[in-house]
Amino acid sequence: MLHQNQVISSQINQLALAVLFGLAGYLLVFKKFCFLSAQIAEHSDQYNQAEVK
């Protein structure tokens, strides 16, 4: 019985780690995407200003 509980708790720990890593990866990708879209927006602004001139 005790052994079974240890197995279950280790599975829960692995699951928690997987969720944490998943969230961390998602946040990193999200930040990168925001950074890239901001850069693209800046470039398009410069391009539009150049066209107007």
PDB file of N, CA and C in Angstrom:
ATOM      1  N   MET A   1       0.839  -1.204   0.000  1.00  0.00           N
ATOM      2  CA  MET A   1       0.000   0.000   0.000  1.00  0.00           C
ATOM      3  C   MET A   1       0.879   1.261   0.000  1.00  0.00           C
ATOM      4  N   LEU A   2       1.881   1.269   0.856  1.00  0.00           N
ATOM      5  CA  LEU A   2       2.777   2.415   0.942  1.00  0.00           C
ATOM      6  C   LEU A   2       3.511   2.612  -0.379  1.00  0.00           C
ATOM      7  N   HIS A   3       3.967   1.477  -0.955  1.00  0.00           N
ATOM      8  CA  HIS A   3       4.698   1.541  -2.226  1.00  0.00           C
ATOM      9  C   HIS A   3       3.824   2.158  -3.319  1.00  0.00           C
ATOM     10  N   GLN A   4       2.555   1.781  -3.349  1.00  0.00           N
ATOM     11  CA  GLN A   4       1.624   2.295  -4.356  1.00  0.00           C
ATOM     12  C   GLN A   4       1.478   3.810  -4.220  1.00  0.00           C
ATOM     13  N   ASN A   5       1.381   4.291  -2.999  1.00  0.00           N
ATOM     14  CA  ASN A   5       1.262   5.734  -2.762  1.00  0.00           C
ATOM     15  C   ASN A   5       2.505   6.469  -3.266  1.00  0.00           C
ATOM     16  N   GLN A   6       3.675   5.885  -3.063  1.00  0.00           N
ATOM     17  CA  GLN A   6       4.916   6.507  -3.539  1.00  0.00           C
ATOM     18  C   GLN A   6       4.914   6.606  -5.055  1.00  0.00           C
ATOM     19  N   VAL A   7       4.449   5.539  -5.716  1.00  0.00           N
ATOM     20  CA  VAL A   7       4.385   5.541  -7.181  1.00  0.00           C
ATOM     21  C   VAL A   7       3.443   6.646  -7.660  1.00  0.00           C
ATOM     22  N   ILE A   8       2.280   6.744  -7.026  1.00  0.00           N
ATOM     23  CA  ILE A   8       1.294   7.764  -7.417  1.00  0.00           C
ATOM     24  C   ILE A   8       1.862   9.166  -7.211  1.00  0.00           C
ATOM     25  N   SER A   9       2.523   9.391  -6.074  1.00  0.00           N
ATOM     26  CA  SER A   9       3.065  10.721  -5.800  1.00  0.00           C
ATOM     27  C   SER A   9       4.178  11.065  -6.787  1.00  0.00           C
ATOM     28  N   SER A  10       4.979  10.088  -7.192  1.00  0.00           N
ATOM     29  CA  SER A  10       6.039  10.360  -8.161  1.00  0.00           C
ATOM     30  C   SER A  10       5.425  10.683  -9.521  1.00  0.00           C
ATOM     31  N   GLN A  11       4.310  10.011  -9.848  1.00  0.00           N
ATOM     32  CA  GLN A  11       3.619  10.312 -11.108  1.00  0.00           C
ATOM     33  C   GLN A  11       3.079  11.736 -11.077  1.00  0.00           C
ATOM     34  N   ILE A  12       2.522  12.131  -9.925  1.00  0.00           N
ATOM     35  CA  ILE A  12       1.987  13.495  -9.769  1.00  0.00           C
ATOM     36  C   ILE A  12       3.124  14.510  -9.894  1.00  0.00           C
ATOM     37  N   ASN A  13       4.271  14.214  -9.292  1.00  0.00           N
ATOM     38  CA  ASN A  13       5.429  15.107  -9.391  1.00  0.00           C
ATOM     39  C   ASN A  13       5.867  15.261 -10.841  1.00  0.00           C
ATOM     40  N   GLN A  14       5.910  14.145 -11.576  1.00  0.00           N
ATOM     41  CA  GLN A  14       6.308  14.201 -12.987  1.00  0.00           C
ATOM     42  C   GLN A  14       5.311  15.035 -13.777  1.00  0.00           C
ATOM     43  N   LEU A  15       4.033  14.837 -13.480  1.00  0.00           N
ATOM     44  CA  LEU A  15       2.985  15.592 -14.171  1.00  0.00           C
ATOM     45  C   LEU A  15       3.131  17.085 -13.881  1.00  0.00           C
ATOM     46  N   ALA A  16       3.369  17.424 -12.606  1.00  0.00           N
ATOM     47  CA  ALA A  16       3.535  18.827 -12.226  1.00  0.00           C
ATOM     48  C   ALA A  16       4.733  19.441 -12.943  1.00  0.00           C
ATOM     49  N   LEU A  17       5.833  18.686 -13.021  1.00  0.00           N
ATOM     50  CA  LEU A  17       7.025  19.169 -13.730  1.00  0.00           C
ATOM     51  C   LEU A  17       6.713  19.392 -15.201  1.00  0.00           C
ATOM     52  N   ALA A  18       5.996  18.445 -15.808  1.00  0.00           N
ATOM     53  CA  ALA A  18       5.649  18.555 -17.227  1.00  0.00           C
ATOM     54  C   ALA A  18       4.799  19.797 -17.462  1.00  0.00           C
ATOM     55  N   VAL A  19       3.842  20.039 -16.566  1.00  0.00           N
ATOM     56  CA  VAL A  19       2.974  21.224 -16.696  1.00  0.00           C
ATOM     57  C   VAL A  19       3.795  22.501 -16.557  1.00  0.00           C
ATOM     58  N   LEU A  20       4.696  22.524 -15.573  1.00  0.00           N
ATOM     59  CA  LEU A  20       5.540  23.715 -15.369  1.00  0.00           C
ATOM     60  C   LEU A  20       6.405  23.993 -16.589  1.00  0.00           C
ATOM     61  N   PHE A  21       7.034  22.923 -17.104  1.00  0.00           N
ATOM     62  CA  PHE A  21       7.878  23.110 -18.288  1.00  0.00           C
ATOM     63  C   PHE A  21       7.046  23.561 -19.485  1.00  0.00           C
ATOM     64  N   GLY A  22       5.855  23.002 -19.600  1.00  0.00           N
ATOM     65  CA  GLY A  22       4.958  23.390 -20.688  1.00  0.00           C
ATOM     66  C   GLY A  22       4.605  24.866 -20.606  1.00  0.00           C
ATOM     67  N   LEU A  23       4.256  25.312 -19.405  1.00  0.00           N
ATOM     68  CA  LEU A  23       3.908  26.722 -19.209  1.00  0.00           C
ATOM     69  C   LEU A  23       5.099  27.630 -19.493  1.00  0.00           C
ATOM     70  N   ALA A  24       6.273  27.219 -19.006  1.00  0.00           N
ATOM     71  CA  ALA A  24       7.484  28.025 -19.226  1.00  0.00           C
ATOM     72  C   ALA A  24       7.767  28.143 -20.722  1.00  0.00           C
ATOM     73  N   GLY A  25       7.666  27.024 -21.429  1.00  0.00           N
ATOM     74  CA  GLY A  25       7.897  27.040 -22.878  1.00  0.00           C
ATOM     75  C   GLY A  25       6.876  27.910 -23.585  1.00  0.00           C
ATOM     76  N   TYR A  26       5.617  27.788 -23.171  1.00  0.00           N
ATOM     77  CA  TYR A  26       4.547  28.588 -23.780  1.00  0.00           C
ATOM     78  C   TYR A  26       4.804  30.078 -23.575  1.00  0.00           C
ATOM     79  N   LEU A  27       5.195  30.450 -22.355  1.00  0.00           N
ATOM     80  CA  LEU A  27       5.473  31.860 -22.058  1.00  0.00           C
ATOM     81  C   LEU A  27       6.634  32.376 -22.897  1.00  0.00           C
ATOM     82  N   LEU A  28       7.688  31.546 -23.031  1.00  0.00           N
ATOM     83  CA  LEU A  28       8.852  31.953 -23.828  1.00  0.00           C
ATOM     84  C   LEU A  28       8.436  32.196 -25.271  1.00  0.00           C
ATOM     85  N   VAL A  29       7.667  31.266 -25.824  1.00  0.00           N
ATOM     86  CA  VAL A  29       7.209  31.402 -27.215  1.00  0.00           C
ATOM     87  C   VAL A  29       6.331  32.641 -27.353  1.00  0.00           C
ATOM     88  N   PHE A  30       5.450  32.847 -26.374  1.00  0.00           N
ATOM     89  CA  PHE A  30       4.537  33.990 -26.414  1.00  0.00           C
ATOM     90  C   PHE A  30       5.314  35.303 -26.389  1.00  0.00           C
ATOM     91  N   LYS A  31       6.320  35.394 -25.497  1.00  0.00           N
ATOM     92  CA  LYS A  31       7.150  36.608 -25.415  1.00  0.00           C
ATOM     93  C   LYS A  31       7.882  36.840 -26.731  1.00  0.00           C
ATOM     94  N   LYS A  32       8.442  35.760 -27.289  1.00  0.00           N
ATOM     95  CA  LYS A  32       9.170  35.864 -28.541  1.00  0.00           C
ATOM     96  C   LYS A  32       8.235  36.359 -29.644  1.00  0.00           C
ATOM     97  N   PHE A  33       7.016  35.812 -29.670  1.00  0.00           N
ATOM     98  CA  PHE A  33       6.039  36.202 -30.679  1.00  0.00           C
ATOM     99  C   PHE A  33       5.681  37.678 -30.539  1.00  0.00           C
ATOM    100  N   CYS A  34       5.443  38.128 -29.304  1.00  0.00           N
ATOM    101  CA  CYS A  34       5.119  39.544 -29.061  1.00  0.00           C
ATOM    102  C   CYS A  34       6.272  40.434 -29.521  1.00  0.00           C
ATOM    103  N   PHE A  35       7.508  40.019 -29.193  1.00  0.00           N
ATOM    104  CA  PHE A  35       8.686  40.787 -29.575  1.00  0.00           C
ATOM    105  C   PHE A  35       8.789  40.885 -31.098  1.00  0.00           C
ATOM    106  N   LEU A  36       8.580  39.739 -31.773  1.00  0.00           N
ATOM    107  CA  LEU A  36       8.680  39.716 -33.233  1.00  0.00           C
ATOM    108  C   LEU A  36       7.584  40.569 -33.863  1.00  0.00           C
ATOM    109  N   SER A  37       6.344  40.451 -33.365  1.00  0.00           N
ATOM    110  CA  SER A  37       5.247  41.221 -33.953  1.00  0.00           C
ATOM    111  C   SER A  37       5.467  42.717 -33.726  1.00  0.00           C
ATOM    112  N   ALA A  38       6.057  43.086 -32.591  1.00  0.00           N
ATOM    113  CA  ALA A  38       6.364  44.491 -32.331  1.00  0.00           C
ATOM    114  C   ALA A  38       7.406  44.992 -33.324  1.00  0.00           C
ATOM    115  N   GLN A  39       8.415  44.160 -33.590  1.00  0.00           N
ATOM    116  CA  GLN A  39       9.446  44.540 -34.559  1.00  0.00           C
ATOM    117  C   GLN A  39       8.836  44.694 -35.949  1.00  0.00           C
ATOM    118  N   ILE A  40       7.965  43.751 -36.320  1.00  0.00           N
ATOM    119  CA  ILE A  40       7.322  43.810 -37.638  1.00  0.00           C
ATOM    120  C   ILE A  40       6.491  45.087 -37.741  1.00  0.00           C
ATOM    121  N   ALA A  41       5.772  45.441 -36.672  1.00  0.00           N
ATOM    122  CA  ALA A  41       4.946  46.648 -36.669  1.00  0.00           C
ATOM    123  C   ALA A  41       5.829  47.879 -36.866  1.00  0.00           C
ATOM    124  N   GLU A  42       6.981  47.913 -36.192  1.00  0.00           N
ATOM    125  CA  GLU A  42       7.914  49.038 -36.348  1.00  0.00           C
ATOM    126  C   GLU A  42       8.402  49.132 -37.783  1.00  0.00           C
ATOM    127  N   HIS A  43       8.757  47.990 -38.362  1.00  0.00           N
ATOM    128  CA  HIS A  43       9.261  47.975 -39.740  1.00  0.00           C
ATOM    129  C   HIS A  43       8.182  48.454 -40.707  1.00  0.00           C
ATOM    130  N   SER A  44       6.948  48.003 -40.509  1.00  0.00           N
ATOM    131  CA  SER A  44       5.877  48.408 -41.416  1.00  0.00           C
ATOM    132  C   SER A  44       5.613  49.909 -41.264  1.00  0.00           C
ATOM    133  N   ASP A  45       5.748  50.455 -40.051  1.00  0.00           N
ATOM    134  CA  ASP A  45       5.591  51.890 -39.849  1.00  0.00           C
ATOM    135  C   ASP A  45       6.654  52.656 -40.630  1.00  0.00           C
ATOM    136  N   GLN A  46       7.887  52.200 -40.529  1.00  0.00           N
ATOM    137  CA  GLN A  46       8.991  52.849 -41.256  1.00  0.00           C
ATOM    138  C   GLN A  46       8.739  52.757 -42.757  1.00  0.00           C
ATOM    139  N   TYR A  47       8.251  51.605 -43.203  1.00  0.00           N
ATOM    140  CA  TYR A  47       7.984  51.383 -44.635  1.00  0.00           C
ATOM    141  C   TYR A  47       6.878  52.323 -45.110  1.00  0.00           C
ATOM    142  N   ASN A  48       5.832  52.468 -44.296  1.00  0.00           N
ATOM    143  CA  ASN A  48       4.727  53.349 -44.657  1.00  0.00           C
ATOM    144  C   ASN A  48       5.190  54.799 -44.713  1.00  0.00           C
ATOM    145  N   GLN A  49       6.026  55.218 -43.756  1.00  0.00           N
ATOM    146  CA  GLN A  49       6.537  56.587 -43.738  1.00  0.00           C
ATOM    147  C   GLN A  49       7.396  56.825 -44.980  1.00  0.00           C
ATOM    148  N   ALA A  50       8.193  55.847 -45.362  1.00  0.00           N
ATOM    149  CA  ALA A  50       9.046  55.987 -46.526  1.00  0.00           C
ATOM    150  C   ALA A  50       8.195  56.115 -47.784  1.00  0.00           C
ATOM    151  N   GLU A  51       7.091  55.375 -47.835  1.00  0.00           N
ATOM    152  CA  GLU A  51       6.190  55.431 -48.996  1.00  0.00           C
ATOM    153  C   GLU A  51       5.536  56.803 -49.093  1.00  0.00           C
ATOM    154  N   VAL A  52       5.123  57.350 -47.938  1.00  0.00           N
ATOM    155  CA  VAL A  52       4.445  58.650 -47.915  1.00  0.00           C
ATOM    156  C   VAL A  52       5.388  59.743 -48.426  1.00  0.00           C
ATOM    157  N   LYS A  53       6.634  59.689 -47.999  1.00  0.00           N
ATOM    158  CA  LYS A  53       7.632  60.675 -48.457  1.00  0.00           C
ATOM    159  C   LYS A  53       7.858  60.471 -49.939  1.00  0.00           C
TER     160      LYS A  53
END
